C-alpha atoms as a PDB file:
ATOM      1  CA  MET A   1     100.261 128.940 111.098  1.00  0.00           C
ATOM      2  CA  GLN A   2     103.704 129.502 110.231  1.00  0.00           C
ATOM      3  CA  MET A   3     104.452 131.660 107.219  1.00  0.00           C
ATOM      4  CA  ARG A   4     107.513 131.533 104.750  1.00  0.00           C
ATOM      5  CA  GLU A   5     108.913 133.311 101.714  1.00  0.00           C
ATOM      6  CA  PHE A   6     107.938 131.093  98.279  1.00  0.00           C
ATOM      7  CA  GLY A   7     111.042 131.366  96.383  1.00  0.00           C
ATOM      8  CA  ARG A   8     111.921 134.348  95.228  1.00  0.00           C
ATOM      9  CA  THR A   9     107.888 135.023  94.313  1.00  0.00           C
ATOM     10  CA  GLY A  10     107.391 137.629  96.299  1.00  0.00           C
ATOM     11  CA  MET A  11     104.639 135.308  97.631  1.00  0.00           C
ATOM     12  CA  ARG A  12     104.380 134.320 101.058  1.00  0.00           C
ATOM     13  CA  PHE A  13     102.461 131.017 101.632  1.00  0.00           C
ATOM     14  CA  SER A  14     101.348 129.206 105.020  1.00  0.00           C
ATOM     15  CA  LEU A  15     103.359 126.086 105.429  1.00  0.00           C
ATOM     16  CA  LEU A  16     100.392 124.548 105.538  1.00  0.00           C
ATOM     17  CA  GLY A  17      98.503 124.119 102.176  1.00  0.00           C
ATOM     18  CA  TYR A  18      95.629 123.175 100.975  1.00  0.00           C
ATOM     19  CA  GLY A  19      95.413 120.242  98.458  1.00  0.00           C
ATOM     20  CA  ALA A  20      91.610 119.859  96.761  1.00  0.00           C
ATOM     21  CA  GLY A  21      92.965 116.791  94.724  1.00  0.00           C
ATOM     22  CA  ALA A  22      91.018 113.701  94.611  1.00  0.00           C
ATOM     23  CA  VAL A  23      92.713 111.457  96.800  1.00  0.00           C
ATOM     24  CA  GLY A  24      91.098 112.709  99.466  1.00  0.00           C
ATOM     25  CA  GLY A  25      88.281 114.162  97.474  1.00  0.00           C
ATOM     26  CA  LEU A  26      86.367 116.805  99.719  1.00  0.00           C
ATOM     27  CA  MET A  27      86.218 119.097  96.707  1.00  0.00           C
ATOM     28  CA  VAL A  28      85.368 116.531  94.166  1.00  0.00           C
ATOM     29  CA  ARG A  29      82.802 114.386  96.345  1.00  0.00           C
ATOM     30  CA  GLY A  30      81.641 116.064  99.576  1.00  0.00           C
ATOM     31  CA  SER A  31      78.866 118.155  99.719  1.00  0.00           C
ATOM     32  CA  ALA A  32      79.030 122.726  98.824  1.00  0.00           C
ATOM     33  CA  ALA A  33      78.015 122.346 102.660  1.00  0.00           C
ATOM     34  CA  GLU A  34      81.332 120.444 103.815  1.00  0.00           C
ATOM     35  CA  ARG A  35      83.116 121.969 101.311  1.00  0.00           C
ATOM     36  CA  GLU A  36      82.386 125.643 102.197  1.00  0.00           C
ATOM     37  CA  ALA A  37      82.917 124.434 105.621  1.00  0.00           C
ATOM     38  CA  SER A  38      86.207 123.256 105.671  1.00  0.00           C
ATOM     39  CA  ILE A  39      87.675 126.332 103.519  1.00  0.00           C
ATOM     40  CA  GLY A  40      86.370 128.527 105.910  1.00  0.00           C
ATOM     41  CA  ARG A  41      88.414 126.045 108.639  1.00  0.00           C
ATOM     42  CA  ALA A  42      91.498 126.467 106.861  1.00  0.00           C
ATOM     43  CA  LEU A  43      91.297 130.109 105.925  1.00  0.00           C
ATOM     44  CA  GLU A  44      90.898 130.779 109.836  1.00  0.00           C
ATOM     45  CA  ALA A  45      93.502 128.520 110.626  1.00  0.00           C
ATOM     46  CA  GLY A  46      96.030 130.796 108.697  1.00  0.00           C
ATOM     47  CA  ILE A  47      96.023 128.745 105.531  1.00  0.00           C
ATOM     48  CA  THR A  48      96.662 130.423 102.322  1.00  0.00           C
ATOM     49  CA  TYR A  49      97.530 128.772  99.549  1.00  0.00           C
ATOM     50  CA  PHE A  50      95.088 126.320  97.865  1.00  0.00           C
ATOM     51  CA  ASP A  51      95.896 123.873  95.192  1.00  0.00           C
ATOM     52  CA  THR A  52      93.637 122.230  92.087  1.00  0.00           C
ATOM     53  CA  ALA A  53      93.878 120.827  89.003  1.00  0.00           C
ATOM     54  CA  PRO A  54      91.697 119.896  86.175  1.00  0.00           C
ATOM     55  CA  ALA A  55      92.756 116.091  86.555  1.00  0.00           C
ATOM     56  CA  TYR A  56      91.222 115.908  90.344  1.00  0.00           C
ATOM     57  CA  GLY A  57      87.210 114.956  89.513  1.00  0.00           C
ATOM     58  CA  ASN A  58      87.782 115.892  85.561  1.00  0.00           C
ATOM     59  CA  GLY A  59      87.107 119.717  86.384  1.00  0.00           C
ATOM     60  CA  LEU A  60      85.139 119.346  89.746  1.00  0.00           C
ATOM     61  CA  SER A  61      87.679 119.784  91.767  1.00  0.00           C
ATOM     62  CA  GLU A  62      88.115 123.519  90.222  1.00  0.00           C
ATOM     63  CA  THR A  63      84.772 124.366  89.777  1.00  0.00           C
ATOM     64  CA  HIS A  64      84.046 123.717  93.785  1.00  0.00           C
ATOM     65  CA  LEU A  65      86.752 125.245  94.863  1.00  0.00           C
ATOM     66  CA  GLY A  66      85.656 128.292  92.679  1.00  0.00           C
ATOM     67  CA  GLN A  67      82.028 128.057  94.632  1.00  0.00           C
ATOM     68  CA  ALA A  68      83.441 127.784  97.732  1.00  0.00           C
ATOM     69  CA  LEU A  69      85.700 130.770  97.603  1.00  0.00           C
ATOM     70  CA  ARG A  70      82.854 133.180  95.815  1.00  0.00           C
ATOM     71  CA  ALA A  71      80.669 132.171  98.374  1.00  0.00           C
ATOM     72  CA  LEU A  72      83.438 132.670 101.118  1.00  0.00           C
ATOM     73  CA  LYS A  73      84.129 136.275  99.549  1.00  0.00           C
ATOM     74  CA  VAL A  74      87.608 135.191  99.853  1.00  0.00           C
ATOM     75  CA  THR A  75      90.869 135.352  97.306  1.00  0.00           C
ATOM     76  CA  PRO A  76      93.668 133.406  98.558  1.00  0.00           C
ATOM     77  CA  PHE A  77      96.371 132.140  96.237  1.00  0.00           C
ATOM     78  CA  VAL A  78      95.082 129.358  94.507  1.00  0.00           C
ATOM     79  CA  GLY A  79      97.117 127.356  91.903  1.00  0.00           C
ATOM     80  CA  THR A  80      96.273 124.804  89.543  1.00  0.00           C
ATOM     81  CA  LYS A  81      97.762 122.388  86.501  1.00  0.00           C
ATOM     82  CA  PHE A  82      97.548 121.330  83.029  1.00  0.00           C
ATOM     83  CA  ARG A  83      98.166 117.517  81.881  1.00  0.00           C
ATOM     84  CA  ILE A  84      98.906 116.944  78.159  1.00  0.00           C
ATOM     85  CA  ALA A  85      96.514 114.501  76.500  1.00  0.00           C
ATOM     86  CA  PRO A  86      97.871 112.500  73.392  1.00  0.00           C
ATOM     87  CA  ALA A  87      95.993 114.845  70.943  1.00  0.00           C
ATOM     88  CA  ASP A  88      97.943 117.686  72.483  1.00  0.00           C
ATOM     89  CA  ARG A  89     101.416 116.652  70.695  1.00  0.00           C
ATOM     90  CA  GLY A  90     102.347 118.893  67.786  1.00  0.00           C
ATOM     91  CA  ARG A  91     100.459 121.665  69.554  1.00  0.00           C
ATOM     92  CA  LEU A  92     101.335 121.982  73.094  1.00  0.00           C
ATOM     93  CA  GLY A  93     101.301 125.962  73.148  1.00  0.00           C
ATOM     94  CA  ALA A  94      97.543 125.837  71.757  1.00  0.00           C
ATOM     95  CA  ALA A  95      96.635 123.290  74.243  1.00  0.00           C
ATOM     96  CA  LEU A  96      98.641 124.913  77.592  1.00  0.00           C
ATOM     97  CA  ALA A  97      96.532 128.153  76.435  1.00  0.00           C
ATOM     98  CA  GLU A  98      93.008 126.395  76.460  1.00  0.00           C
ATOM     99  CA  GLY A  99      93.342 124.284  79.702  1.00  0.00           C
ATOM    100  CA  LEU A 100      94.266 127.679  81.083  1.00  0.00           C
ATOM    101  CA  GLU A 101      91.273 129.338  79.834  1.00  0.00           C
ATOM    102  CA  ALA A 102      89.325 126.181  80.644  1.00  0.00           C
ATOM    103  CA  SER A 103      90.797 125.839  84.028  1.00  0.00           C
ATOM    104  CA  LEU A 104      89.868 130.002  84.802  1.00  0.00           C
ATOM    105  CA  LYS A 105      86.617 129.550  83.570  1.00  0.00           C
ATOM    106  CA  ARG A 106      86.013 127.007  86.359  1.00  0.00           C
ATOM    107  CA  LEU A 107      87.464 128.640  88.810  1.00  0.00           C
ATOM    108  CA  GLY A 108      85.518 131.983  88.029  1.00  0.00           C
ATOM    109  CA  ARG A 109      88.628 133.710  88.275  1.00  0.00           C
ATOM    110  CA  ASP A 110      90.692 135.845  86.053  1.00  0.00           C
ATOM    111  CA  SER A 111      94.145 134.422  86.505  1.00  0.00           C
ATOM    112  CA  VAL A 112      96.025 132.303  88.972  1.00  0.00           C
ATOM    113  CA  ASP A 113      98.820 132.331  91.341  1.00  0.00           C
ATOM    114  CA  LEU A 114     100.527 129.481  89.972  1.00  0.00           C
ATOM    115  CA  PHE A 115      99.653 127.511  86.855  1.00  0.00           C
ATOM    116  CA  GLN A 116     102.098 124.198  86.706  1.00  0.00           C
ATOM    117  CA  LEU A 117     102.958 121.205  84.231  1.00  0.00           C
ATOM    118  CA  HIS A 118     101.378 118.336  85.736  1.00  0.00           C
ATOM    119  CA  ASP A 119     103.288 115.908  83.632  1.00  0.00           C
ATOM    120  CA  PRO A 120     106.286 113.802  84.448  1.00  0.00           C
ATOM    121  CA  LEU A 121     109.551 115.603  82.910  1.00  0.00           C
ATOM    122  CA  THR A 122     111.374 112.741  80.752  1.00  0.00           C
ATOM    123  CA  PRO A 123     113.483 111.375  77.968  1.00  0.00           C
ATOM    124  CA  ALA A 124     112.226 112.275  74.365  1.00  0.00           C
ATOM    125  CA  GLY A 125     110.282 108.877  73.105  1.00  0.00           C
ATOM    126  CA  ALA A 126     108.548 108.287  76.325  1.00  0.00           C
ATOM    127  CA  VAL A 127     105.091 107.316  75.676  1.00  0.00           C
ATOM    128  CA  GLN A 128     103.899 109.590  78.942  1.00  0.00           C
ATOM    129  CA  GLY A 129     105.911 113.028  79.965  1.00  0.00           C
ATOM    130  CA  ILE A 130     107.069 115.995  78.534  1.00  0.00           C
ATOM    131  CA  SER A 131     110.880 115.886  76.783  1.00  0.00           C
ATOM    132  CA  GLN A 132     113.452 118.732  76.604  1.00  0.00           C
ATOM    133  CA  ALA A 133     112.912 119.749  73.651  1.00  0.00           C
ATOM    134  CA  GLU A 134     108.567 119.903  73.602  1.00  0.00           C
ATOM    135  CA  LEU A 135     109.531 121.871  77.060  1.00  0.00           C
ATOM    136  CA  GLU A 136     111.721 124.828  75.415  1.00  0.00           C
ATOM    137  CA  ALA A 137     110.372 124.623  72.125  1.00  0.00           C
ATOM    138  CA  GLU A 138     106.243 124.662  72.658  1.00  0.00           C
ATOM    139  CA  LEU A 139     106.007 125.253  76.716  1.00  0.00           C
ATOM    140  CA  MET A 140     108.322 127.738  78.102  1.00  0.00           C
ATOM    141  CA  PRO A 141     107.471 130.395  75.291  1.00  0.00           C
ATOM    142  CA  ALA A 142     103.216 129.866  75.853  1.00  0.00           C
ATOM    143  CA  MET A 143     103.604 130.064  79.256  1.00  0.00           C
ATOM    144  CA  ALA A 144     105.991 133.150  79.362  1.00  0.00           C
ATOM    145  CA  ARG A 145     102.648 134.266  76.974  1.00  0.00           C
ATOM    146  CA  LEU A 146     100.404 133.796  79.527  1.00  0.00           C
ATOM    147  CA  ARG A 147     102.689 135.752  82.149  1.00  0.00           C
ATOM    148  CA  GLU A 148     102.937 138.365  79.970  1.00  0.00           C
ATOM    149  CA  GLN A 149      99.141 138.705  79.797  1.00  0.00           C
ATOM    150  CA  GLY A 150      98.548 138.320  83.266  1.00  0.00           C
ATOM    151  CA  LYS A 151      96.325 135.266  83.211  1.00  0.00           C
ATOM    152  CA  VAL A 152      99.586 133.451  85.140  1.00  0.00           C
ATOM    153  CA  ARG A 153     101.260 134.864  87.759  1.00  0.00           C
ATOM    154  CA  PHE A 154     104.107 132.153  88.164  1.00  0.00           C
ATOM    155  CA  ALA A 155     105.026 129.103  86.062  1.00  0.00           C
ATOM    156  CA  GLY A 156     106.030 125.520  87.750  1.00  0.00           C
ATOM    157  CA  ILE A 157     106.240 121.779  86.766  1.00  0.00           C
ATOM    158  CA  THR A 158     105.761 118.825  89.264  1.00  0.00           C
ATOM    159  CA  ALA A 159     109.162 117.005  89.892  1.00  0.00           C
ATOM    160  CA  LEU A 160     108.717 113.602  88.740  1.00  0.00           C
ATOM    161  CA  GLY A 161     110.539 112.285  85.923  1.00  0.00           C
ATOM    162  CA  GLU A 162     114.489 111.955  85.026  1.00  0.00           C
ATOM    163  CA  THR A 163     116.595 113.421  87.943  1.00  0.00           C
ATOM    164  CA  ALA A 164     118.738 115.386  85.343  1.00  0.00           C
ATOM    165  CA  MET A 165     116.323 116.772  83.325  1.00  0.00           C
ATOM    166  CA  LEU A 166     114.271 118.070  86.678  1.00  0.00           C
ATOM    167  CA  LYS A 167     117.321 119.672  88.139  1.00  0.00           C
ATOM    168  CA  ARG A 168     117.972 121.279  84.401  1.00  0.00           C
ATOM    169  CA  VAL A 169     115.122 122.438  84.328  1.00  0.00           C
ATOM    170  CA  VAL A 170     114.619 123.948  87.975  1.00  0.00           C
ATOM    171  CA  ALA A 171     118.121 125.345  87.725  1.00  0.00           C
ATOM    172  CA  SER A 172     117.404 127.207  83.780  1.00  0.00           C
ATOM    173  CA  GLY A 173     115.234 130.059  86.136  1.00  0.00           C
ATOM    174  CA  ALA A 174     112.189 129.073  83.414  1.00  0.00           C
ATOM    175  CA  PHE A 175     109.762 128.064  86.737  1.00  0.00           C
ATOM    176  CA  GLN A 176     109.268 129.135  89.679  1.00  0.00           C
ATOM    177  CA  SER A 177     107.578 126.182  91.540  1.00  0.00           C
ATOM    178  CA  ALA A 178     108.388 122.542  91.980  1.00  0.00           C
ATOM    179  CA  GLN A 179     105.897 120.054  93.223  1.00  0.00           C
ATOM    180  CA  ILE A 180     108.167 116.767  94.727  1.00  0.00           C
ATOM    181  CA  PRO A 181     106.982 114.188  97.177  1.00  0.00           C
ATOM    182  CA  TYR A 182     108.036 114.789  99.884  1.00  0.00           C
ATOM    183  CA  ASN A 183     107.148 112.200 103.274  1.00  0.00           C
ATOM    184  CA  LEU A 184     108.587 109.354 105.875  1.00  0.00           C
ATOM    185  CA  LEU A 185     108.592 106.817 102.958  1.00  0.00           C
ATOM    186  CA  ASN A 186     110.499 108.717 100.460  1.00  0.00           C
ATOM    187  CA  PRO A 187     112.318 111.711 102.227  1.00  0.00           C
ATOM    188  CA  THR A 188     115.208 111.819 100.373  1.00  0.00           C
ATOM    189  CA  ALA A 189     113.879 114.842  98.089  1.00  0.00           C
ATOM    190  CA  LEU A 190     115.498 117.336 101.020  1.00  0.00           C
ATOM    191  CA  SER A 191     118.479 115.461 102.500  1.00  0.00           C
ATOM    192  CA  PRO A 192     120.376 112.745 101.473  1.00  0.00           C
ATOM    193  CA  MET A 193     119.151 109.603 103.398  1.00  0.00           C
ATOM    194  CA  PRO A 194     120.765 106.254 103.357  1.00  0.00           C
ATOM    195  CA  GLN A 195     120.582 104.038 100.279  1.00  0.00           C
ATOM    196  CA  GLY A 196     118.650 101.485 101.636  1.00  0.00           C
ATOM    197  CA  LEU A 197     115.435 103.737 102.384  1.00  0.00           C
ATOM    198  CA  PRO A 198     112.949 104.278  99.257  1.00  0.00           C
ATOM    199  CA  GLY A 199     113.023 107.436  97.146  1.00  0.00           C
ATOM    200  CA  HIS A 200     116.490 107.618  97.622  1.00  0.00           C
ATOM    201  CA  GLU A 201     116.515 108.607  93.621  1.00  0.00           C
ATOM    202  CA  PHE A 202     115.240 111.834  94.169  1.00  0.00           C
ATOM    203  CA  GLY A 203     118.859 113.283  96.103  1.00  0.00           C
ATOM    204  CA  GLY A 204     118.185 116.376  97.480  1.00  0.00           C
ATOM    205  CA  LEU A 205     116.408 117.591  94.424  1.00  0.00           C
ATOM    206  CA  ALA A 206     113.948 119.806  96.611  1.00  0.00           C
ATOM    207  CA  ALA A 207     117.123 121.192  97.941  1.00  0.00           C
ATOM    208  CA  HIS A 208     118.317 122.405  94.734  1.00  0.00           C
ATOM    209  CA  ALA A 209     115.326 124.035  93.721  1.00  0.00           C
ATOM    210  CA  ALA A 210     115.337 126.268  97.009  1.00  0.00           C
ATOM    211  CA  ALA A 211     118.816 127.275  96.072  1.00  0.00           C
ATOM    212  CA  HIS A 212     118.106 128.300  92.512  1.00  0.00           C
ATOM    213  CA  GLY A 213     115.333 129.934  94.608  1.00  0.00           C
ATOM    214  CA  VAL A 214     112.291 127.864  93.150  1.00  0.00           C
ATOM    215  CA  GLY A 215     109.372 127.511  95.415  1.00  0.00           C
ATOM    216  CA  VAL A 216     109.115 123.860  96.844  1.00  0.00           C
ATOM    217  CA  ILE A 217     105.656 122.275  96.804  1.00  0.00           C
ATOM    218  CA  GLY A 218     104.949 119.465  99.440  1.00  0.00           C
ATOM    219  CA  ILE A 219     103.205 116.758  97.855  1.00  0.00           C
ATOM    220  CA  ARG A 220     102.244 113.614  98.821  1.00  0.00           C
ATOM    221  CA  ILE A 221     103.024 114.187 102.456  1.00  0.00           C
ATOM    222  CA  ILE A 222     101.093 111.117 103.716  1.00  0.00           C
ATOM    223  CA  ALA A 223     101.588 108.993 100.523  1.00  0.00           C
ATOM    224  CA  GLY A 224      97.933 108.847  99.869  1.00  0.00           C
ATOM    225  CA  GLY A 225      96.550 108.157 103.160  1.00  0.00           C
ATOM    226  CA  ALA A 226      99.240 105.074 103.970  1.00  0.00           C
ATOM    227  CA  LEU A 227     101.139 107.097 106.635  1.00  0.00           C
ATOM    228  CA  SER A 228      98.147 107.026 109.041  1.00  0.00           C
ATOM    229  CA  GLY A 229      98.847 103.268 109.086  1.00  0.00           C
ATOM    230  CA  GLU A 230      95.336 102.233 107.701  1.00  0.00           C
ATOM    231  CA  VAL A 231      94.420 100.420 105.563  1.00  0.00           C
ATOM    232  CA  GLU A 232      91.046 101.333 105.293  1.00  0.00           C
ATOM    233  CA  ARG A 233      89.792 104.794 103.173  1.00  0.00           C
ATOM    234  CA  HIS A 234      87.260 106.949 104.213  1.00  0.00           C
ATOM    235  CA  PRO A 235      83.781 106.850 102.313  1.00  0.00           C
ATOM    236  CA  THR A 236      84.611 110.605 100.431  1.00  0.00           C
ATOM    237  CA  ALA A 237      88.541 109.243  99.432  1.00  0.00           C
ATOM    238  CA  MET A 238      89.666 107.798  96.556  1.00  0.00           C
ATOM    239  CA  PRO A 239      88.937 104.022  96.669  1.00  0.00           C
ATOM    240  CA  SER A 240      92.380 102.652  96.029  1.00  0.00           C
ATOM    241  CA  VAL A 241      95.331 104.576  95.709  1.00  0.00           C
ATOM    242  CA  ALA A 242      98.824 104.134  93.501  1.00  0.00           C
ATOM    243  CA  PRO A 243     101.961 104.772  95.381  1.00  0.00           C
ATOM    244  CA  ILE A 244     103.858 107.744  94.203  1.00  0.00           C
ATOM    245  CA  ALA A 245     107.350 107.493  94.893  1.00  0.00           C
ATOM    246  CA  SER A 246     107.270 105.303  97.433  1.00  0.00           C
ATOM    247  CA  ALA A 247     106.638 101.488  98.069  1.00  0.00           C
ATOM    248  CA  GLY A 248     105.075  99.534  95.143  1.00  0.00           C
ATOM    249  CA  SER A 249     101.420  98.946  96.345  1.00  0.00           C
ATOM    250  CA  TYR A 250      99.305 100.896  99.002  1.00  0.00           C
ATOM    251  CA  GLU A 251      99.584  98.023 101.256  1.00  0.00           C
ATOM    252  CA  ALA A 252     103.575  97.883 101.772  1.00  0.00           C
ATOM    253  CA  ASP A 253     103.116 101.453 102.726  1.00  0.00           C
ATOM    254  CA  VAL A 254     100.750 101.276 105.174  1.00  0.00           C
ATOM    255  CA  ALA A 255     103.010  98.335 106.878  1.00  0.00           C
ATOM    256  CA  ALA A 256     106.051 100.755 106.668  1.00  0.00           C
ATOM    257  CA  ALA A 257     104.699 103.623 108.037  1.00  0.00           C
ATOM    258  CA  ARG A 258     103.103 101.024 110.904  1.00  0.00           C
ATOM    259  CA  ARG A 259     107.149 100.964 111.684  1.00  0.00           C
ATOM    260  CA  LEU A 260     106.552 104.173 113.245  1.00  0.00           C
ATOM    261  CA  ALA A 261     104.284 103.318 115.722  1.00  0.00           C
ATOM    262  CA  PRO A 262     106.849 103.515 118.711  1.00  0.00           C
ATOM    263  CA  LEU A 263     106.575 106.654 117.983  1.00  0.00           C
ATOM    264  CA  VAL A 264     103.169 107.330 118.822  1.00  0.00           C
ATOM    265  CA  ALA A 265     103.595 104.962 121.623  1.00  0.00           C
ATOM    266  CA  GLU A 266     105.941 107.262 123.386  1.00  0.00           C
ATOM    267  CA  GLY A 267     104.533 110.463 122.880  1.00  0.00           C
ATOM    268  CA  VAL A 268     105.996 111.901 120.260  1.00  0.00           C
ATOM    269  CA  ALA A 269     103.064 112.516 118.332  1.00  0.00           C
ATOM    270  CA  ALA A 270      99.109 112.168 118.744  1.00  0.00           C
ATOM    271  CA  SER A 271      98.808 109.871 115.483  1.00  0.00           C
ATOM    272  CA  LEU A 272     101.039 108.478 112.862  1.00  0.00           C
ATOM    273  CA  ALA A 273      98.849 111.289 110.541  1.00  0.00           C
ATOM    274  CA  GLU A 274     100.057 113.626 112.739  1.00  0.00           C
ATOM    275  CA  LEU A 275     104.054 112.384 112.654  1.00  0.00           C
ATOM    276  CA  ALA A 276     103.912 112.622 109.074  1.00  0.00           C
ATOM    277  CA  ILE A 277     102.632 115.965 108.481  1.00  0.00           C
ATOM    278  CA  ARG A 278     105.416 117.363 111.214  1.00  0.00           C
ATOM    279  CA  PHE A 279     107.666 115.578 109.638  1.00  0.00           C
ATOM    280  CA  ALA A 280     106.480 117.516 105.930  1.00  0.00           C
ATOM    281  CA  LEU A 281     107.008 120.910 107.245  1.00  0.00           C
ATOM    282  CA  THR A 282     110.399 120.228 109.318  1.00  0.00           C
ATOM    283  CA  PRO A 283     112.603 121.229 106.426  1.00  0.00           C
ATOM    284  CA  ALA A 284     113.786 124.868 106.021  1.00  0.00           C
ATOM    285  CA  GLU A 285     113.311 123.859 102.191  1.00  0.00           C
ATOM    286  CA  MET A 286     109.944 123.417 102.269  1.00  0.00           C
ATOM    287  CA  GLY A 287     107.663 126.305 101.295  1.00  0.00           C
ATOM    288  CA  THR A 288     104.337 124.716 101.578  1.00  0.00           C
ATOM    289  CA  ALA A 289     103.226 121.284 102.247  1.00  0.00           C
ATOM    290  CA  LEU A 290      99.642 120.212 100.456  1.00  0.00           C
ATOM    291  CA  ILE A 291      97.730 118.327 102.727  1.00  0.00           C
ATOM    292  CA  GLY A 292      94.633 116.594 100.896  1.00  0.00           C
ATOM    293  CA  THR A 293      91.073 116.052 103.553  1.00  0.00           C
ATOM    294  CA  ALA A 294      88.240 113.476 103.525  1.00  0.00           C
ATOM    295  CA  SER A 295      86.533 115.066 106.241  1.00  0.00           C
ATOM    296  CA  GLN A 296      86.753 118.300 108.822  1.00  0.00           C
ATOM    297  CA  ALA A 297      87.853 116.015 111.348  1.00  0.00           C
ATOM    298  CA  GLN A 298      91.452 115.099 108.817  1.00  0.00           C
ATOM    299  CA  LEU A 299      91.457 118.776 108.288  1.00  0.00           C
ATOM    300  CA  GLU A 300      91.559 119.258 112.385  1.00  0.00           C
ATOM    301  CA  VAL A 301      94.806 116.730 112.861  1.00  0.00           C
ATOM    302  CA  ALA A 302      96.661 118.706 109.718  1.00  0.00           C
ATOM    303  CA  ILE A 303      96.024 122.160 111.240  1.00  0.00           C
ATOM    304  CA  ALA A 304      96.606 120.624 114.738  1.00  0.00           C
ATOM    305  CA  ALA A 305     100.212 119.071 113.648  1.00  0.00           C
ATOM    306  CA  ALA A 306     101.260 122.596 112.198  1.00  0.00           C
ATOM    307  CA  GLU A 307     100.127 124.218 115.221  1.00  0.00           C
ATOM    308  CA  LYS A 308     102.779 121.853 117.335  1.00  0.00           C
ATOM    309  CA  GLY A 309     105.502 122.421 114.420  1.00  0.00           C
ATOM    310  CA  PRO A 310     108.626 120.618 113.316  1.00  0.00           C
ATOM    311  CA  LEU A 311     110.100 117.614 114.235  1.00  0.00           C
ATOM    312  CA  SER A 312     113.552 117.930 116.368  1.00  0.00           C
ATOM    313  CA  ALA A 313     116.468 115.931 114.825  1.00  0.00           C
ATOM    314  CA  GLU A 314     116.494 113.705 117.619  1.00  0.00           C
ATOM    315  CA  VAL A 315     112.740 112.297 116.165  1.00  0.00           C
ATOM    316  CA  MET A 316     113.530 112.506 112.269  1.00  0.00           C
ATOM    317  CA  ALA A 317     116.790 110.088 113.361  1.00  0.00           C
ATOM    318  CA  ARG A 318     114.591 108.109 115.358  1.00  0.00           C
ATOM    319  CA  ALA A 319     112.130 107.467 112.863  1.00  0.00           C
ATOM    320  CA  ARG A 320     114.915 106.922 110.295  1.00  0.00           C
ATOM    321  CA  ALA A 321     116.285 104.061 112.270  1.00  0.00           C
ATOM    322  CA  LEU A 322     112.816 102.617 112.438  1.00  0.00           C
ATOM    323  CA  LEU A 323     112.011 102.404 109.165  1.00  0.00           C
ATOM    324  CA  GLY A 324     115.433 100.743 108.377  1.00  0.00           C
ATOM    325  CA  GLY A 325     117.648 103.732 107.421  1.00  0.00           C
END
């Protein structure tokens, strides 16, 4: 498994990271034996970073991930997150500390390597999200205290929301990681692309992050499963998935993904899922790209894709052409 320096943290992450989210669902709805087998295989393949959050299964992902890691007696890099509840407004610093303590208890750990804000960054007055004032006055100081206490090694954001604000925050030096949606249907977080492609509003955000020494975590790399080209969901997976930074519906994303089928027919990749994973791993700015799975078979596809490595510039251009770019 290829390893990369993660921003300026000094940590080296596997290029493919393990997503323990609710979309794939294995860490939420799989059996204990399935969870341990999956994590054991990921570690065997060289995966070193595991990502979770309280929002995944209402805490089940954290609990199950912690149980599996203890059962396997391993301590890989682990990151979790904090999401604002309506009652948290006006007490964000205290809520952040309480959220971390609850996460650590579920994980069975004294600290986490990454603690990331899970809400989008939005202008003041938005119903959902974190404003610049809340970030600077409450969350940044609270996160700094948690780092001083040794409970958090590094802080991060989920880079959704107002692009200008995201770029300011990334350049501020207050955060060391940024989770950014990046996939074949939304490729412009890392490189300028034709305006006709979905997601052009991201305008190089990940390249901006990398330039400021912020580690980039690729999320939604197969668009919640849509880049498999299959509408039918695995029984363990989330039954329905709302797109993030791609088309208006999961079905529309699947239809777009199917336009890439000629590349599979030509032997460029064994499947659309493999093509999507290799696409996400290709840019030099990518620190680690998260894959969420519903089964051991899906994990094996991801591992095999990572072993095949990046796509060539020619294949990248061909994919763009097929998507209408």
